[in-house]
Amino acid sequence: MNLFLVTLFAILGIIWGSNFIYMKMAAVYIDPMQVVFYRVLFGFIPVFLYAIYKNTIKLEHLKYSFHFFIMSLFAAVIYYYGFVKGSSLLLSGIAGALSGSVPLFSFLVASIFLKEEKITKLASIGVIVGFIGIILISGVINEDIEGSNLEGILAIVIGSLSVGASFIYAKKFITPLKIKAAALVTYQLGFALIILLLITDLEGINYIWNDFHSAIGMVLGLGLLGTGVAFIGYYYLIEKLGALKASSITYIPPVVALFIGFFIVGENIKLLDFIATAFIFIGVFLINKRKA
């Protein structure tokens, strides 16, 4: 990779890794679903403008609205809600570390629904090792575990499973449509925004503006950068590097989230949590290794 691509790779990893502390901060003032609504709203704006600039939005694409609707659920509404809910209940570093499990769930869904995806011995070991990491970081082996911890873990797992399923759905139904990435993300976020307008209780949604740092983190960190600009940058990486190399960016956000949680915010992240994160990384590495 040239210097620009390396820099973009690192910037995207940092942006996505910092999202977890922003989600946790915002969820103090408003409901998780309201956080998701704002994230999608402010993420949609730069993506829509970019798609207009690239002239990729076509009226004829509306015939595929059902697929865009499904993708908006898997890759936005459920995914974002699970991560915001989990971040509100867990330490931000732990929530970020758990997000590294997305490739595990993506592989499991692919092995069930895609005939060409075979479960090899190496991949099976990777799944087992990865889930050992999830179990360790969940705290179920700790006698002092709190109920909210399990609820938060489950929320992150559901979010990870949802976005993992979106990759498989996209590969099977969206990729063959040959629609430009800028347009696809615009439709995905646009449909998600419509869904969220219908299901989000807007009462008290403006409380977030009472705290400047939380509001800026949500609008700029989660929305404009973490959703809008990051999507554009990620698909640029896919175009230049290919999907497999670009997907290795999933290793960066959990590390960034742990670093922010432990060193900057001062969260009580224990050695076992770092070990568990390493297990998740090893599991993901083994799953990806089978493709090499």
Protein backbone atom coordinates (compact mmCIF):
# COMPACT_ATOMS: atom_id res chain seq x y z
CA MET A 1 0.00 0.00 0.00
CA ASN A 2 1.17 3.54 -0.67
CA LEU A 3 1.40 6.13 2.08
CA PHE A 4 -2.04 7.61 1.36
CA LEU A 5 -3.81 4.23 1.63
CA VAL A 6 -1.91 3.36 4.80
CA THR A 7 -2.87 6.69 6.31
CA LEU A 8 -6.52 6.28 5.29
CA PHE A 9 -6.50 2.75 6.72
CA ALA A 10 -5.23 4.04 10.07
CA ILE A 11 -7.61 7.02 10.15
CA LEU A 12 -10.66 4.81 9.53
CA GLY A 13 -9.54 2.43 12.26
CA ILE A 14 -9.19 5.31 14.72
CA ILE A 15 -12.55 6.80 13.73
CA TRP A 16 -14.41 3.50 14.18
CA GLY A 17 -12.51 2.68 17.36
CA SER A 18 -13.46 6.00 18.95
CA ASN A 19 -17.15 5.47 18.14
CA PHE A 20 -17.69 3.39 21.28
CA ILE A 21 -16.86 6.15 23.74
CA TYR A 22 -19.05 8.55 21.73
CA MET A 23 -21.95 6.08 21.87
CA LYS A 24 -21.53 5.67 25.61
CA MET A 25 -21.42 9.44 26.16
CA ALA A 26 -24.51 10.08 24.04
CA ALA A 27 -26.52 7.28 25.68
CA VAL A 28 -26.22 9.07 29.03
CA TYR A 29 -28.55 11.82 27.77
CA ILE A 30 -30.85 10.12 25.26
CA ASP A 31 -32.25 6.66 24.52
CA PRO A 32 -30.04 4.30 22.43
CA MET A 33 -32.57 4.32 19.58
CA GLN A 34 -32.43 8.11 19.54
CA VAL A 35 -28.64 7.93 19.32
CA VAL A 36 -29.02 5.62 16.32
CA PHE A 37 -31.44 8.06 14.71
CA TYR A 38 -28.98 10.95 15.03
CA ARG A 39 -26.09 8.79 13.85
CA VAL A 40 -27.92 7.74 10.70
CA LEU A 41 -29.21 11.28 10.08
CA PHE A 42 -25.79 12.94 10.26
CA GLY A 43 -24.13 10.01 8.50
CA PHE A 44 -26.60 10.16 5.62
CA ILE A 45 -25.81 13.80 4.80
CA PRO A 46 -22.18 13.43 3.56
CA VAL A 47 -22.93 10.11 1.86
CA PHE A 48 -25.90 11.59 -0.01
CA LEU A 49 -23.88 14.64 -1.10
CA TYR A 50 -21.03 12.40 -2.24
CA ALA A 51 -23.43 10.22 -4.24
CA ILE A 52 -24.89 13.32 -5.87
CA TYR A 53 -21.38 14.53 -6.71
CA LYS A 54 -20.55 11.16 -8.26
CA ASN A 55 -23.91 11.07 -10.06
CA THR A 56 -24.53 7.49 -8.92
CA ILE A 57 -28.16 7.80 -7.76
CA LYS A 58 -30.59 6.51 -10.38
CA LEU A 59 -34.38 6.38 -10.28
CA GLU A 60 -34.28 2.92 -11.84
CA HIS A 61 -32.58 1.59 -8.70
CA LEU A 62 -35.86 1.90 -6.79
CA LYS A 63 -36.98 -1.44 -8.22
CA TYR A 64 -34.49 -3.00 -5.80
CA SER A 65 -36.01 -1.23 -2.79
CA PHE A 66 -36.74 -4.50 -0.97
CA HIS A 67 -33.02 -5.33 -0.90
CA PHE A 68 -32.15 -1.82 0.26
CA PHE A 69 -34.75 -2.16 3.03
CA ILE A 70 -33.23 -5.45 4.25
CA MET A 71 -29.73 -3.99 4.15
CA SER A 72 -30.89 -0.93 6.09
CA LEU A 73 -32.11 -3.23 8.86
CA PHE A 74 -29.07 -5.51 8.99
CA ALA A 75 -26.30 -2.97 8.35
CA ALA A 76 -27.75 0.07 10.11
CA VAL A 77 -30.83 -0.13 12.35
CA ILE A 78 -30.21 -3.43 14.21
CA TYR A 79 -26.42 -3.19 13.96
CA TYR A 80 -26.18 0.35 15.30
CA TYR A 81 -28.80 -0.19 17.99
CA GLY A 82 -27.03 -3.30 19.28
CA PHE A 83 -23.72 -1.46 19.51
CA VAL A 84 -25.19 1.66 21.15
CA LYS A 85 -27.17 -0.41 23.64
CA GLY A 86 -24.12 -2.52 24.43
CA SER A 87 -21.88 0.52 24.79
CA SER A 88 -24.36 2.10 27.21
CA LEU A 89 -24.18 -0.96 29.49
CA LEU A 90 -20.54 -1.98 29.14
CA LEU A 91 -17.21 -0.23 29.44
CA SER A 92 -16.56 1.41 26.07
CA GLY A 93 -13.28 -0.49 25.71
CA ILE A 94 -14.99 -3.83 26.30
CA ALA A 95 -17.75 -3.00 23.81
CA GLY A 96 -15.10 -2.07 21.27
CA ALA A 97 -13.14 -5.25 21.89
CA LEU A 98 -16.26 -7.34 21.34
CA SER A 99 -16.85 -5.61 18.01
CA GLY A 100 -13.82 -7.48 16.74
CA SER A 101 -16.01 -10.59 16.64
CA VAL A 102 -17.96 -9.36 13.59
CA PRO A 103 -15.95 -11.54 11.16
CA LEU A 104 -16.74 -14.59 13.30
CA PHE A 105 -20.46 -14.09 12.85
CA SER A 106 -20.02 -13.18 9.21
CA PHE A 107 -18.29 -16.49 8.61
CA LEU A 108 -20.92 -18.47 10.51
CA VAL A 109 -23.75 -16.91 8.50
CA ALA A 110 -21.82 -17.44 5.26
CA SER A 111 -21.19 -21.09 6.04
CA ILE A 112 -24.93 -21.61 6.48
CA PHE A 113 -26.28 -19.65 3.53
CA LEU A 114 -23.49 -19.67 0.93
CA LYS A 115 -22.77 -23.01 -0.70
CA GLU A 116 -19.26 -21.96 -1.74
CA GLU A 117 -18.29 -21.17 1.86
CA LYS A 118 -16.79 -24.34 3.32
CA ILE A 119 -16.08 -24.95 6.99
CA THR A 120 -12.44 -26.02 7.09
CA LYS A 121 -10.58 -27.34 10.11
CA LEU A 122 -8.64 -24.07 10.42
CA ALA A 123 -11.83 -22.00 10.24
CA SER A 124 -13.49 -24.23 12.84
CA ILE A 125 -10.56 -23.71 15.20
CA GLY A 126 -10.79 -19.97 14.54
CA VAL A 127 -14.49 -19.90 15.46
CA ILE A 128 -13.86 -21.85 18.68
CA VAL A 129 -10.93 -19.64 19.70
CA GLY A 130 -12.90 -16.49 18.89
CA PHE A 131 -15.87 -17.55 20.96
CA ILE A 132 -13.61 -18.45 23.86
CA GLY A 133 -12.55 -14.81 23.74
CA ILE A 134 -16.17 -13.67 23.79
CA ILE A 135 -16.91 -15.92 26.78
CA LEU A 136 -13.86 -14.64 28.66
CA ILE A 137 -14.66 -10.99 28.06
CA SER A 138 -18.34 -11.52 28.93
CA GLY A 139 -17.39 -12.32 32.52
CA VAL A 140 -19.61 -15.41 32.78
CA ILE A 141 -16.79 -17.22 34.57
CA ASN A 142 -16.64 -14.43 37.15
CA GLU A 143 -18.81 -14.88 40.23
CA ASP A 144 -19.27 -11.11 40.55
CA ILE A 145 -20.82 -10.67 37.10
CA GLU A 146 -23.72 -8.22 36.94
CA GLY A 147 -26.89 -8.77 34.93
CA SER A 148 -26.35 -5.59 32.90
CA ASN A 149 -23.04 -7.01 31.73
CA LEU A 150 -24.74 -9.97 30.10
CA GLU A 151 -27.37 -7.69 28.57
CA GLY A 152 -24.64 -5.51 27.11
CA ILE A 153 -22.72 -8.51 25.77
CA LEU A 154 -25.89 -9.84 24.14
CA ALA A 155 -26.59 -6.47 22.53
CA ILE A 156 -23.10 -6.33 20.98
CA VAL A 157 -23.42 -9.94 19.82
CA ILE A 158 -26.77 -9.21 18.15
CA GLY A 159 -25.29 -6.13 16.49
CA SER A 160 -22.28 -8.13 15.30
CA LEU A 161 -24.49 -10.94 14.01
CA SER A 162 -26.66 -8.42 12.18
CA VAL A 163 -23.83 -6.65 10.37
CA GLY A 164 -22.19 -10.01 9.69
CA ALA A 165 -25.40 -11.18 8.04
CA SER A 166 -25.50 -7.95 6.00
CA PHE A 167 -22.18 -8.84 4.36
CA ILE A 168 -23.56 -12.17 3.23
CA TYR A 169 -26.85 -10.68 2.06
CA ALA A 170 -24.94 -8.05 0.11
CA LYS A 171 -22.71 -10.66 -1.51
CA LYS A 172 -25.69 -12.77 -2.57
CA PHE A 173 -28.24 -10.13 -3.57
CA ILE A 174 -26.62 -6.67 -3.77
CA THR A 175 -23.25 -7.21 -5.45
CA PRO A 176 -24.81 -8.79 -8.59
CA LEU A 177 -26.78 -5.56 -9.15
CA LYS A 178 -23.54 -3.75 -10.06
CA ILE A 179 -24.65 -0.54 -8.33
CA LYS A 180 -21.94 1.90 -7.26
CA ALA A 181 -21.00 1.79 -3.58
CA ALA A 182 -21.84 5.48 -3.01
CA ALA A 183 -25.39 4.87 -4.20
CA LEU A 184 -25.78 1.67 -2.18
CA VAL A 185 -24.74 3.34 1.07
CA THR A 186 -27.05 6.28 0.32
CA TYR A 187 -30.01 3.94 -0.18
CA GLN A 188 -29.07 1.91 2.88
CA LEU A 189 -28.88 4.92 5.18
CA GLY A 190 -31.85 6.60 3.53
CA PHE A 191 -34.11 3.62 4.13
CA ALA A 192 -32.73 3.30 7.67
CA LEU A 193 -33.59 6.94 8.34
CA ILE A 194 -37.17 6.37 7.20
CA ILE A 195 -37.48 3.28 9.42
CA LEU A 196 -36.05 5.13 12.41
CA LEU A 197 -38.44 8.04 11.90
CA LEU A 198 -41.30 5.56 12.23
CA ILE A 199 -40.05 3.59 15.25
CA THR A 200 -38.08 6.12 17.32
CA ASP A 201 -39.73 7.86 20.25
CA LEU A 202 -38.56 11.45 19.75
CA GLU A 203 -39.60 12.63 23.22
CA GLY A 204 -36.54 14.01 25.02
CA ILE A 205 -34.30 13.58 21.97
CA ASN A 206 -33.00 17.15 22.30
CA TYR A 207 -31.51 16.50 25.75
CA ILE A 208 -28.26 15.57 24.01
CA TRP A 209 -27.70 19.24 23.16
CA ASN A 210 -27.39 20.01 26.88
CA ASP A 211 -23.86 18.57 26.86
CA PHE A 212 -21.50 20.07 24.29
CA HIS A 213 -18.93 17.24 24.27
CA SER A 214 -21.52 14.49 23.93
CA ALA A 215 -23.34 16.37 21.17
CA ILE A 216 -20.13 17.00 19.21
CA GLY A 217 -19.05 13.38 19.67
CA MET A 218 -22.39 12.16 18.37
CA VAL A 219 -22.72 14.53 15.41
CA LEU A 220 -19.10 14.63 14.29
CA GLY A 221 -17.66 11.40 15.67
CA LEU A 222 -20.59 9.02 15.19
CA GLY A 223 -22.47 10.67 12.35
CA LEU A 224 -20.43 12.74 9.90
CA LEU A 225 -17.11 10.91 10.38
CA GLY A 226 -17.98 7.54 11.90
CA THR A 227 -20.79 6.77 9.48
CA GLY A 228 -20.73 9.10 6.47
CA VAL A 229 -17.07 9.80 5.73
CA ALA A 230 -15.96 6.38 7.03
CA PHE A 231 -18.28 4.55 4.63
CA ILE A 232 -16.93 6.56 1.70
CA GLY A 233 -13.33 5.91 2.77
CA TYR A 234 -13.92 2.21 3.36
CA TYR A 235 -15.40 1.61 -0.07
CA TYR A 236 -12.50 3.53 -1.57
CA LEU A 237 -10.16 1.07 0.18
CA ILE A 238 -12.16 -1.85 -1.19
CA GLU A 239 -11.84 -0.40 -4.67
CA LYS A 240 -8.07 0.02 -4.35
CA LEU A 241 -7.12 -3.00 -2.22
CA GLY A 242 -9.89 -5.52 -2.70
CA ALA A 243 -12.47 -6.67 -0.14
CA LEU A 244 -10.20 -9.12 1.71
CA LYS A 245 -7.36 -6.70 2.41
CA ALA A 246 -9.75 -3.87 3.23
CA SER A 247 -11.62 -6.09 5.70
CA SER A 248 -8.46 -6.44 7.79
CA ILE A 249 -9.26 -2.97 9.12
CA THR A 250 -11.50 -4.79 11.64
CA TYR A 251 -8.38 -5.43 13.73
CA ILE A 252 -7.84 -1.73 14.43
CA PRO A 253 -11.07 -0.40 16.07
CA PRO A 254 -11.06 -2.86 19.03
CA VAL A 255 -7.47 -1.89 19.86
CA VAL A 256 -8.30 1.82 19.60
CA ALA A 257 -11.42 1.37 21.77
CA LEU A 258 -9.40 -0.48 24.43
CA PHE A 259 -6.68 2.17 24.35
CA ILE A 260 -9.19 5.01 24.76
CA GLY A 261 -11.09 3.19 27.48
CA PHE A 262 -8.02 2.21 29.50
CA PHE A 263 -5.53 5.05 29.00
CA ILE A 264 -7.72 8.10 28.26
CA VAL A 265 -11.02 7.49 30.04
CA GLY A 266 -9.54 5.38 32.84
CA GLU A 267 -12.00 2.49 32.62
CA ASN A 268 -11.39 -0.54 34.80
CA ILE A 269 -10.30 -2.84 32.00
CA LYS A 270 -8.54 -5.92 33.35
CA LEU A 271 -5.73 -8.09 32.01
CA LEU A 272 -8.25 -10.85 31.27
CA ASP A 273 -10.10 -8.47 28.93
CA PHE A 274 -6.94 -7.89 26.90
CA ILE A 275 -6.29 -11.63 26.78
CA ALA A 276 -9.89 -12.23 25.65
CA THR A 277 -9.46 -9.63 22.90
CA ALA A 278 -6.34 -11.46 21.75
CA PHE A 279 -8.37 -14.68 21.52
CA ILE A 280 -10.95 -12.91 19.34
CA PHE A 281 -8.20 -11.56 17.09
CA ILE A 282 -6.57 -14.97 16.75
CA GLY A 283 -9.93 -16.51 15.89
CA VAL A 284 -10.57 -13.90 13.19
CA PHE A 285 -7.02 -14.34 11.87
CA LEU A 286 -7.48 -18.10 11.53
CA ILE A 287 -10.80 -17.64 9.71
CA ASN A 288 -9.20 -15.18 7.28
CA LYS A 289 -6.11 -17.37 6.94
CA ARG A 290 -8.09 -20.11 5.23
CA LYS A 291 -8.81 -17.71 2.36
CA ALA A 292 -5.15 -16.92 1.70
